[in-house]
Amino acid sequence: MTQLENAKNNSITQLMHQIAKKESVSAEFIKDNIKSGKVVIPLNKSRNIKKPCGIGAGLSTKVNANIGASPDKANLNFELKKLKIAIESGADAVMDLSVGGNLANIRKMVLKNSSVPVGTVPIYEIAVNAQQKNGNFLKFDAKDVLHTLEEQAKQGVDFFTIHSGVTRQSISSLTKQRRILGIVSRGGAILAAWIKRNNKENPFYEYFDQILEIAYNYDITLSLGDGLRPGSILDATDKAQIDELKILGNLARRARNRNVQVMIEGPGHVALNQIKKNIELEKKYCDNAPFYVLGPLVTDVACGYDHITGAIGGALAASYGADFLCYLTASEHLRHPSIEDVKEGVIASRIAAHASDLVKNYAKAVKWDKEMSIARRNRNWKKQIELSIDPIKAKAYRLSSKPNLSDVCTMCGKYCSIKLSEKCLR
């Protein structure tokens, strides 16, 4: 049985107990929220990992890190190094988005070396295989789709991003309006092009019941992808995006009826003043399913700093109820990310997640900040470094500029406000 099926039968599994302990909530709380579709635990039933995670209402905000080889940068060892640094930096999950090299072998090694849940976007492998076999990445059919999903499920993939909301109907909504950037989702664009080329419905939509069967057999969580997400803040919250969201809501209900866990993916490029509305719409149309957001990016002009752009949007989105943040790196829109890009991207999104958890009054987040504040009051530099979100960087900064007085820092020296206030506030 799947975790959702167990929850519907009021059965608390060992995995639910494990997540409850990690989140400092009751196992009953985890079971009830899985049952209602508000929480998911992405973990293939064939996998046993050290760091499973729960995603959704009442839990800490989670962070995903994307890795994966590209046609120009296909190096397995490099991707495994990125996997390692992502997990060491605190990513709760990773996605292998490879479109270059030996995809099956890369995925096998990522699964073998990952202590956290691993997701994929199967349309990538479907397109790459079609290019290799048929000389055109659009020359595939429903059999290829289902075969690839089955093979990835057997390998142990924990969650699939599938773009089932890119349909003839939702594309029609898009063609009737003037977007600055039409489709920026790679999977969404492949499927839109496939629909036009073949004059057929999206196989991920048409054969959704068969996909549910595969997901059910392996207890794979479906992440319903936003193939029509905005790629410009000026395109955000348009009719095409909302039409797709409504389709995803209907598909999410079908998934839960089949005892398959499901979460919803969201935008994309969204201005600050539209983020709250986007969260509210997802919760409304998708029955409070966990919301997995890319950023959101709050401006289009921050090339080289989009890990910051995404962290700003992510903090606000999660404070309004988003549950899962997909990180961005400084190299977004520019190049294949480096190992350092991955680390900084994870840290930036973790800061955003933690900031939102403070708004949600998540007890562990509040406790962490309180301990840091006490360490600062006591000018306990060792403790401050230990409590830092990136202790290695914090320690390096401290050691790089040593003060004349050991109980202060080189910013203020003997004029340290905390030291001065010890006497005047007694």
Protein backbone atom coordinates (compact mmCIF):
# COMPACT_ATOMS: atom_id res chain seq x y z
CA MET A 1 0.00 0.00 0.00
CA THR A 2 1.05 3.61 -0.55
CA GLN A 3 1.54 6.08 2.28
CA LEU A 4 -1.71 7.78 1.22
CA GLU A 5 -3.57 4.48 1.20
CA ASN A 6 -2.30 3.67 4.68
CA ALA A 7 -3.35 7.10 5.89
CA LYS A 8 -6.86 6.65 4.47
CA ASN A 9 -7.04 3.38 6.41
CA ASN A 10 -5.93 5.26 9.56
CA SER A 11 -2.73 3.23 9.65
CA ILE A 12 0.40 5.05 10.85
CA THR A 13 3.49 3.68 9.10
CA GLN A 14 7.05 3.62 10.35
CA LEU A 15 7.90 6.31 7.80
CA MET A 16 5.17 8.56 9.21
CA HIS A 17 6.62 8.06 12.70
CA GLN A 18 10.08 8.93 11.38
CA ILE A 19 8.87 12.16 9.75
CA ALA A 20 6.84 13.09 12.84
CA LYS A 21 9.91 12.77 15.06
CA LYS A 22 11.99 14.84 12.65
CA GLU A 23 9.36 17.59 12.52
CA SER A 24 8.50 17.49 16.25
CA VAL A 25 4.82 16.81 15.55
CA SER A 26 2.63 13.82 16.29
CA ALA A 27 2.47 10.83 13.99
CA GLU A 28 -1.30 11.31 14.02
CA PHE A 29 -0.79 14.81 12.60
CA ILE A 30 1.34 13.42 9.75
CA LYS A 31 -1.18 10.68 9.01
CA ASP A 32 -4.16 13.06 8.99
CA ASN A 33 -2.45 15.55 6.67
CA ILE A 34 -1.33 12.86 4.25
CA LYS A 35 -4.91 11.60 4.27
CA SER A 36 -6.26 15.06 3.39
CA GLY A 37 -3.64 15.59 0.69
CA LYS A 38 -1.94 18.46 2.53
CA VAL A 39 1.31 16.54 3.14
CA VAL A 40 3.37 14.18 1.00
CA ILE A 41 6.40 12.00 1.73
CA PRO A 42 8.22 11.47 -1.57
CA LEU A 43 9.91 8.08 -1.28
CA ASN A 44 9.84 5.18 -3.74
CA LYS A 45 8.84 2.04 -1.85
CA SER A 46 11.98 0.28 -3.10
CA ARG A 47 14.28 2.91 -1.55
CA ASN A 48 15.61 3.22 1.99
CA ILE A 49 17.36 6.54 2.60
CA LYS A 50 18.81 8.31 5.63
CA LYS A 51 16.99 11.60 5.17
CA PRO A 52 13.38 11.20 3.98
CA CYS A 53 11.30 14.35 4.27
CA GLY A 54 7.70 15.41 4.61
CA ILE A 55 6.44 18.32 2.54
CA GLY A 56 3.32 20.32 3.27
CA ALA A 57 1.10 22.01 5.83
CA GLY A 58 2.43 22.34 9.38
CA LEU A 59 5.93 21.15 8.45
CA SER A 60 9.16 23.05 7.91
CA THR A 61 9.62 24.57 4.46
CA LYS A 62 11.75 22.27 2.34
CA VAL A 63 14.40 23.07 -0.29
CA ASN A 64 15.16 21.23 -3.53
CA ALA A 65 18.42 21.48 -5.49
CA ASN A 66 18.54 20.76 -9.23
CA ILE A 67 21.58 19.03 -10.68
CA GLY A 68 22.11 17.24 -13.99
CA ALA A 69 24.31 16.96 -17.03
CA SER A 70 23.74 19.07 -20.13
CA PRO A 71 24.70 18.41 -23.77
CA ASP A 72 27.68 20.75 -23.31
CA LYS A 73 28.61 19.58 -19.79
CA ALA A 74 28.12 15.82 -19.42
CA ASN A 75 30.43 14.69 -16.62
CA LEU A 76 29.13 12.16 -14.09
CA ASN A 77 31.78 12.89 -11.45
CA PHE A 78 31.00 16.60 -11.65
CA GLU A 79 27.28 15.92 -11.10
CA LEU A 80 28.04 13.65 -8.14
CA LYS A 81 30.15 16.42 -6.61
CA LYS A 82 27.21 18.79 -7.02
CA LEU A 83 24.96 16.20 -5.40
CA LYS A 84 27.35 15.93 -2.46
CA ILE A 85 27.65 19.68 -1.89
CA ALA A 86 23.89 20.15 -2.24
CA ILE A 87 23.18 17.62 0.50
CA GLU A 88 26.01 18.90 2.72
CA SER A 89 24.59 22.42 2.35
CA GLY A 90 21.20 21.25 3.57
CA ALA A 91 19.06 20.43 0.52
CA ASP A 92 16.06 18.31 1.51
CA ALA A 93 15.70 16.81 -1.98
CA VAL A 94 17.45 16.85 -5.34
CA MET A 95 16.28 16.55 -8.91
CA ASP A 96 18.35 15.01 -11.70
CA LEU A 97 17.53 17.10 -14.77
CA SER A 98 20.12 15.53 -17.05
CA VAL A 99 19.77 15.92 -20.82
CA GLY A 100 23.36 14.99 -21.68
CA GLY A 101 25.51 11.88 -21.29
CA ASN A 102 24.24 8.44 -20.29
CA LEU A 103 21.02 9.45 -18.56
CA ALA A 104 20.19 6.04 -17.08
CA ASN A 105 23.66 5.66 -15.58
CA ILE A 106 23.74 9.21 -14.22
CA ARG A 107 20.37 8.65 -12.56
CA LYS A 108 21.50 5.28 -11.18
CA MET A 109 24.54 6.85 -9.55
CA VAL A 110 22.61 9.84 -8.22
CA LEU A 111 20.09 7.47 -6.61
CA LYS A 112 22.90 5.34 -5.19
CA ASN A 113 24.71 8.31 -3.65
CA SER A 114 21.75 10.39 -2.49
CA SER A 115 20.62 10.29 1.14
CA VAL A 116 17.63 12.51 0.28
CA PRO A 117 14.65 12.01 -2.08
CA VAL A 118 15.45 12.17 -5.80
CA GLY A 119 13.09 13.52 -8.46
CA THR A 120 13.25 13.59 -12.25
CA VAL A 121 11.47 15.14 -15.23
CA PRO A 122 10.86 12.04 -17.41
CA ILE A 123 10.06 13.99 -20.58
CA TYR A 124 13.76 14.90 -20.76
CA GLU A 125 14.86 11.28 -21.13
CA ILE A 126 11.96 10.59 -23.51
CA ALA A 127 13.09 13.44 -25.76
CA VAL A 128 16.80 12.52 -25.57
CA ASN A 129 16.04 8.89 -26.44
CA ALA A 130 13.86 9.99 -29.36
CA GLN A 131 16.68 12.16 -30.67
CA GLN A 132 19.18 9.30 -30.44
CA LYS A 133 16.90 6.63 -31.91
CA ASN A 134 14.79 8.57 -34.40
CA GLY A 135 16.86 11.66 -35.16
CA ASN A 136 14.17 13.98 -33.78
CA PHE A 137 13.41 14.61 -30.12
CA LEU A 138 9.70 15.01 -30.95
CA LYS A 139 9.38 11.55 -32.50
CA PHE A 140 8.03 9.59 -29.54
CA ASP A 141 4.64 8.16 -28.60
CA ALA A 142 2.63 7.15 -25.54
CA LYS A 143 4.41 3.78 -25.34
CA ASP A 144 7.74 5.57 -25.02
CA VAL A 145 6.31 7.78 -22.28
CA LEU A 146 4.96 4.90 -20.20
CA HIS A 147 8.07 2.75 -20.75
CA THR A 148 10.36 5.53 -19.54
CA LEU A 149 8.24 6.17 -16.46
CA GLU A 150 8.25 2.46 -15.63
CA GLU A 151 12.03 2.18 -16.04
CA GLN A 152 12.69 5.23 -13.87
CA ALA A 153 10.27 3.92 -11.26
CA LYS A 154 12.12 0.58 -11.18
CA GLN A 155 15.39 2.45 -10.67
CA GLY A 156 13.95 4.03 -7.53
CA VAL A 157 12.99 7.61 -8.45
CA ASP A 158 10.99 9.13 -5.60
CA PHE A 159 9.02 11.84 -7.40
CA PHE A 160 8.21 12.68 -11.00
CA THR A 161 7.60 16.12 -12.46
CA ILE A 162 5.09 15.55 -15.24
CA HIS A 163 3.66 18.33 -17.38
CA SER A 164 0.13 16.96 -17.69
CA GLY A 165 -1.42 20.43 -17.65
CA VAL A 166 0.03 21.40 -21.04
CA THR A 167 -3.01 20.38 -23.07
CA ARG A 168 -4.58 21.48 -26.32
CA GLN A 169 -6.98 23.53 -24.21
CA SER A 170 -4.34 25.30 -22.14
CA ILE A 171 -2.14 25.96 -25.19
CA SER A 172 -5.18 27.50 -26.88
CA SER A 173 -5.42 29.94 -23.97
CA LEU A 174 -1.78 30.84 -24.47
CA THR A 175 -2.03 31.44 -28.22
CA LYS A 176 -4.93 33.86 -27.73
CA GLN A 177 -2.88 36.26 -25.62
CA ARG A 178 0.35 38.17 -26.04
CA ARG A 179 3.04 36.94 -23.70
CA ILE A 180 6.49 38.46 -23.81
CA LEU A 181 7.95 35.00 -23.24
CA GLY A 182 5.70 32.20 -24.43
CA ILE A 183 6.76 28.92 -22.78
CA VAL A 184 9.91 28.87 -20.66
CA SER A 185 9.47 25.43 -19.13
CA ARG A 186 11.72 23.04 -21.05
CA GLY A 187 9.34 20.13 -20.51
CA GLY A 188 6.34 22.29 -21.27
CA ALA A 189 7.88 23.53 -24.52
CA ILE A 190 8.77 20.01 -25.68
CA LEU A 191 5.22 18.84 -25.10
CA ALA A 192 3.63 21.89 -26.70
CA ALA A 193 5.79 21.32 -29.78
CA TRP A 194 4.88 17.61 -29.75
CA ILE A 195 1.15 18.45 -29.61
CA LYS A 196 1.45 20.78 -32.58
CA ARG A 197 3.58 18.37 -34.61
CA ASN A 198 1.32 15.36 -34.05
CA ASN A 199 -2.03 17.12 -33.72
CA LYS A 200 -2.74 14.92 -30.69
CA GLU A 201 -3.38 15.42 -27.00
CA ASN A 202 -0.47 15.48 -24.55
CA PRO A 203 0.22 11.79 -23.65
CA PHE A 204 0.92 12.79 -20.04
CA TYR A 205 -2.68 14.03 -19.93
CA GLU A 206 -4.38 11.47 -22.16
CA TYR A 207 -2.74 8.51 -20.42
CA PHE A 208 -2.85 9.94 -16.91
CA ASP A 209 -4.61 6.87 -15.51
CA GLN A 210 -1.78 4.62 -16.72
CA ILE A 211 0.74 7.01 -15.17
CA LEU A 212 -1.19 6.81 -11.89
CA GLU A 213 -0.92 3.03 -12.05
CA ILE A 214 2.88 3.24 -12.27
CA ALA A 215 3.06 5.83 -9.49
CA TYR A 216 0.79 3.73 -7.28
CA ASN A 217 2.83 0.54 -7.78
CA TYR A 218 6.02 2.25 -6.56
CA ASP A 219 4.45 4.89 -4.26
CA ILE A 220 6.00 7.65 -6.34
CA THR A 221 4.82 11.16 -5.58
CA LEU A 222 3.63 13.07 -8.64
CA SER A 223 4.73 16.68 -8.90
CA LEU A 224 2.35 18.19 -11.43
CA GLY A 225 4.54 20.58 -13.38
CA ASP A 226 3.68 24.13 -14.41
CA GLY A 227 4.60 23.89 -18.06
CA LEU A 228 3.01 27.27 -18.75
CA ARG A 229 4.61 29.14 -15.87
CA PRO A 230 5.53 32.77 -16.61
CA GLY A 231 9.09 33.53 -17.67
CA SER A 232 8.59 37.27 -17.24
CA ILE A 233 7.01 39.10 -14.32
CA LEU A 234 4.85 40.86 -16.93
CA ASP A 235 3.34 37.49 -17.94
CA ALA A 236 2.51 36.37 -14.39
CA THR A 237 -0.94 35.21 -13.31
CA ASP A 238 -2.34 35.29 -16.85
CA LYS A 239 -5.19 33.19 -18.22
CA ALA A 240 -2.93 30.43 -19.60
CA GLN A 241 -1.20 29.98 -16.24
CA ILE A 242 -4.50 29.84 -14.34
CA ASP A 243 -6.15 27.53 -16.90
CA GLU A 244 -3.27 25.11 -16.45
CA LEU A 245 -3.52 25.38 -12.66
CA LYS A 246 -7.20 24.41 -12.80
CA ILE A 247 -6.32 21.36 -14.91
CA LEU A 248 -3.66 20.39 -12.37
CA GLY A 249 -6.22 20.67 -9.58
CA ASN A 250 -8.51 18.22 -11.35
CA LEU A 251 -5.62 15.84 -11.99
CA ALA A 252 -4.55 16.07 -8.34
CA ARG A 253 -7.98 14.90 -7.26
CA ARG A 254 -7.75 11.96 -9.65
CA ALA A 255 -4.34 11.08 -8.23
CA ARG A 256 -5.53 11.14 -4.63
CA ASN A 257 -8.55 9.02 -5.55
CA ARG A 258 -6.06 6.45 -6.87
CA ASN A 259 -4.07 6.68 -3.60
CA VAL A 260 -1.16 8.48 -5.26
CA GLN A 261 0.50 11.35 -3.40
CA VAL A 262 0.61 14.60 -5.34
CA MET A 263 2.03 18.11 -5.14
CA ILE A 264 1.68 21.08 -7.46
CA GLU A 265 4.44 23.12 -9.07
CA GLY A 266 4.15 26.89 -9.37
CA PRO A 267 5.69 29.94 -10.97
CA GLY A 268 8.18 31.17 -12.08
CA HIS A 269 8.68 34.89 -12.55
CA VAL A 270 6.19 36.75 -10.33
CA ALA A 271 6.32 40.30 -8.95
CA LEU A 272 6.17 40.68 -5.19
CA ASN A 273 2.64 42.03 -5.18
CA GLN A 274 1.27 38.94 -6.99
CA ILE A 275 2.89 36.21 -4.92
CA LYS A 276 0.17 36.02 -2.27
CA LYS A 277 -2.52 35.72 -4.94
CA ASN A 278 -0.63 32.90 -6.64
CA ILE A 279 -0.40 30.93 -3.40
CA GLU A 280 -4.08 31.47 -2.66
CA LEU A 281 -5.10 30.33 -6.16
CA GLU A 282 -3.07 27.12 -5.89
CA LYS A 283 -4.54 26.26 -2.49
CA LYS A 284 -8.04 27.03 -3.81
CA TYR A 285 -7.93 25.11 -7.10
CA CYS A 286 -5.77 22.23 -5.83
CA ASP A 287 -7.45 21.56 -2.47
CA ASN A 288 -4.46 22.68 -0.38
CA ALA A 289 -2.02 20.29 -2.05
CA PRO A 290 1.64 21.02 -1.18
CA PHE A 291 2.92 23.83 -3.40
CA TYR A 292 6.39 23.50 -4.95
CA VAL A 293 7.61 26.84 -6.29
CA LEU A 294 10.55 27.83 -8.48
CA GLY A 295 11.73 30.91 -6.63
CA PRO A 296 9.52 32.77 -7.42
CA LEU A 297 11.81 35.26 -9.17
CA VAL A 298 10.65 38.76 -8.32
CA THR A 299 12.48 40.62 -11.08
CA ASP A 300 13.87 39.72 -14.49
CA VAL A 301 17.04 41.84 -14.41
CA ALA A 302 19.23 40.09 -11.80
CA CYS A 303 21.38 37.90 -14.07
CA GLY A 304 24.24 36.56 -11.98
CA TYR A 305 22.25 37.05 -8.77
CA ASP A 306 19.11 35.02 -9.36
CA HIS A 307 19.80 32.93 -6.24
CA ILE A 308 19.03 36.16 -4.37
CA THR A 309 16.05 37.02 -6.60
CA GLY A 310 14.60 33.57 -5.99
CA ALA A 311 15.29 33.68 -2.25
CA ILE A 312 13.38 36.95 -1.91
CA GLY A 313 10.37 35.49 -3.72
CA GLY A 314 10.72 32.14 -1.98
CA ALA A 315 10.67 33.68 1.49
CA LEU A 316 7.50 35.60 0.70
CA ALA A 317 5.82 32.67 -1.07
CA ALA A 318 6.52 30.26 1.77
CA SER A 319 5.36 32.78 4.37
CA TYR A 320 2.01 32.79 2.52
CA GLY A 321 1.84 28.99 2.43
CA ALA A 322 4.19 27.55 -0.21
CA ASP A 323 5.72 24.33 1.10
CA PHE A 324 8.71 23.45 -1.08
CA LEU A 325 11.24 25.84 -2.63
CA CYS A 326 13.18 24.91 -5.74
CA TYR A 327 16.48 26.73 -5.48
CA LEU A 328 17.99 28.93 -8.13
CA THR A 329 21.67 29.51 -8.66
CA ALA A 330 23.66 32.58 -9.63
CA SER A 331 24.12 31.00 -13.05
CA GLU A 332 20.38 30.78 -13.83
CA HIS A 333 19.66 31.97 -17.41
CA LEU A 334 23.40 32.14 -18.13
CA ARG A 335 25.25 28.80 -17.92
CA HIS A 336 25.50 25.32 -16.44
CA PRO A 337 25.90 25.74 -12.65
CA SER A 338 29.22 25.19 -10.90
CA ILE A 339 29.70 23.40 -7.58
CA GLU A 340 29.96 26.76 -5.81
CA ASP A 341 26.77 27.92 -7.57
CA VAL A 342 24.97 24.88 -6.16
CA LYS A 343 26.18 25.53 -2.62
CA GLU A 344 25.24 29.21 -2.66
CA GLY A 345 21.88 28.43 -4.26
CA VAL A 346 21.00 25.92 -1.56
CA ILE A 347 22.08 28.27 1.24
CA ALA A 348 20.10 31.18 -0.23
CA SER A 349 16.94 29.06 -0.46
CA ARG A 350 17.48 27.65 3.03
CA ILE A 351 17.64 31.21 4.38
CA ALA A 352 14.36 31.93 2.59
CA ALA A 353 12.78 28.75 3.94
CA HIS A 354 13.91 29.49 7.49
CA ALA A 355 12.70 33.10 7.31
CA SER A 356 9.27 31.87 6.26
CA ASP A 357 9.22 29.25 9.01
CA LEU A 358 9.62 32.06 11.54
CA VAL A 359 6.48 33.67 10.09
CA LYS A 360 4.70 30.30 10.31
CA ASN A 361 5.85 30.14 13.97
CA TYR A 362 7.50 26.80 13.37
CA ALA A 363 8.90 25.95 16.82
CA LYS A 364 12.31 24.67 15.69
CA ALA A 365 12.92 27.80 13.62
CA VAL A 366 12.09 30.11 16.52
CA LYS A 367 14.33 28.08 18.85
CA TRP A 368 17.23 28.33 16.41
CA ASP A 369 17.01 32.13 16.21
CA LYS A 370 16.66 32.41 19.98
CA GLU A 371 19.82 30.39 20.54
CA MET A 372 21.70 32.58 18.06
CA SER A 373 20.47 35.75 19.76
CA ILE A 374 21.65 34.48 23.14
CA ALA A 375 25.04 33.56 21.68
CA ARG A 376 25.34 37.08 20.23
CA ARG A 377 24.36 38.65 23.54
CA ASN A 378 27.09 36.62 25.22
CA ARG A 379 29.52 37.38 22.42
CA ASN A 380 30.10 33.67 22.17
CA TRP A 381 31.73 33.51 18.75
CA LYS A 382 32.22 29.75 18.77
CA LYS A 383 28.53 29.17 19.40
CA GLN A 384 27.50 31.75 16.79
CA ILE A 385 29.60 29.95 14.19
CA GLU A 386 28.11 26.57 15.17
CA LEU A 387 24.58 27.94 14.84
CA SER A 388 25.20 29.65 11.49
CA ILE A 389 23.42 28.34 8.41
CA ASP A 390 26.90 28.03 6.83
CA PRO A 391 29.38 27.44 9.71
CA ILE A 392 32.34 27.00 7.36
CA LYS A 393 31.90 30.45 5.83
CA ALA A 394 31.14 32.05 9.20
CA LYS A 395 34.32 30.60 10.71
CA ALA A 396 36.42 31.67 7.73
CA TYR A 397 35.13 35.24 8.00
CA ARG A 398 35.82 35.40 11.72
CA LEU A 399 39.37 34.08 11.35
CA SER A 400 40.13 36.36 8.41
CA SER A 401 39.85 39.51 10.51
CA LYS A 402 40.96 39.09 14.11
CA PRO A 403 40.10 41.89 16.61
CA ASN A 404 42.47 43.31 19.19
CA LEU A 405 39.88 42.48 21.85
CA SER A 406 38.84 38.83 21.72
CA ASP A 407 35.23 39.38 22.81
CA VAL A 408 34.29 41.74 19.97
CA CYS A 409 34.62 41.82 16.17
CA THR A 410 36.61 44.14 13.94
CA MET A 411 33.53 46.06 12.85
CA CYS A 412 33.11 47.98 16.12
CA GLY A 413 36.01 46.98 18.34
CA LYS A 414 35.80 48.68 21.76
CA TYR A 415 32.67 50.54 20.58
CA CYS A 416 30.70 47.27 20.48
CA SER A 417 27.08 48.12 21.31
CA ILE A 418 26.38 44.76 22.94
CA LYS A 419 29.40 45.08 25.22
CA LEU A 420 28.51 48.66 26.14
CA SER A 421 24.90 47.79 26.91
CA GLU A 422 25.94 45.14 29.42
CA LYS A 423 26.82 47.90 31.86
CA CYS A 424 24.22 50.55 31.09
CA LEU A 425 21.25 48.13 31.07
CA ARG A 426 22.03 46.36 34.32
